[in-house]
Amino acid sequence: MERRKELDPTAERAAYWETAQVETARSRATGPPRIPPRRQRTDGHGWYGPGVPDRRLYVIDAIVLSRFDYGEADRILTLLTPELGKIKAIAKGIRRPTSRIGGSLEPLAELRLQLAKGRTFDVVTQVTMLHSWLGLHDHLEVTATAWYCGELVERSLEERHAAESLYLLLRRAYELLDAGMTPGRVARWFEMRLCDELGVRPEVDRCVECDRLLDAGDEVRWIPRLGGVLCGRHGGPSMAASGLSTDALKVLKAYQRMDVEGLAGLRLPGAVEAEVERVLGEFVRHVMERDTKSRRFLEEVKAGYGGPAPARDGGAR
């Protein structure tokens, strides 16, 4: 077998510097090398040159919808983001006392996260607090209402679908609760707006059977599985229908048409508020095809504390 010729280190260095001098002279004569134009990605992850593989790190705003412990010290999070919608991420070592992100990565707050793309879950590497909404923790009913709104959004979305409108809607609900608007009003406003965004807005102006515009004195029934109100001219399954008072029907129309500042200033009898809560809850339960744990908890909180949370400053900011 022919023996490989060994290279002289001195000769090798000399050849290297000779090549470097030639390249330097060539660049001075022809100008600097041309850099390919950069292009902007459409997924919001930054700038890359053509042909450059996808970066592993990205930064995104998010609200934590839910979480559960995983392993000895990790925690898996469900995040709501504007660009990517609902995503799963893991915070490694967050339950250790020495974790740098443990105090910031909490629900009921708007965060700016740096994540690293992983095989199963993206990994949280940095956390910045954008809005903490401390008022959401002042009263148990306010906290329960915030959890209820978050669970409705979580159940409404598939993973990895853009959801900017729902992100803004949930953030606005948290702002209203933090500003002191009555939790029940915020919940009803949120339920109606969420149905709008999902394309299942309840019909309160026309009969769902004959499409007749309802008159002021018409007797109507509320049938969630048909999509809204049914006038008295039509029969229907009594087990699925419930009577709806004229005042409650007016309030449902107000939740569809009025802005949130106007809703905050409404003065309504307690019986009408309770009726609107019941019928909208039935509709949302039909849309979600199940009851929510946070709603049951919210009902227990209201029953246990004997009344709604006090409104601060009388309404929304």
Foldseek 3Di string as FASTA:
>chain_A
DDDDDDDDVVVVVVVVVVVVVVVVVVCVVVPHDDDADKDADPQQFGIDRPPDDDAFKGKFKWAWLDWDDDDDAKIKTWIATQRFGTFIAMEPRLRPPPDPCVVPPDHLFIKMFMWGDDDRHTYTDDIDTDGRLVLCPPDPLSVLLLSVLSVLSVLLDDGRDRDNVSVVLSVVLSQFSSQFQFSLLSSLLSLQVVCVVSVLHADLQAALPPRHGDDLPWWWKAALVSRGIHTPVDDDDPVRIDTDDSLLSVVSVCSVPPDQQVSLPDDDDPVSSVRNVVRSQVNSCVVSVHHDPSVVVSVVSCVVVVHTDGGDPRGHD
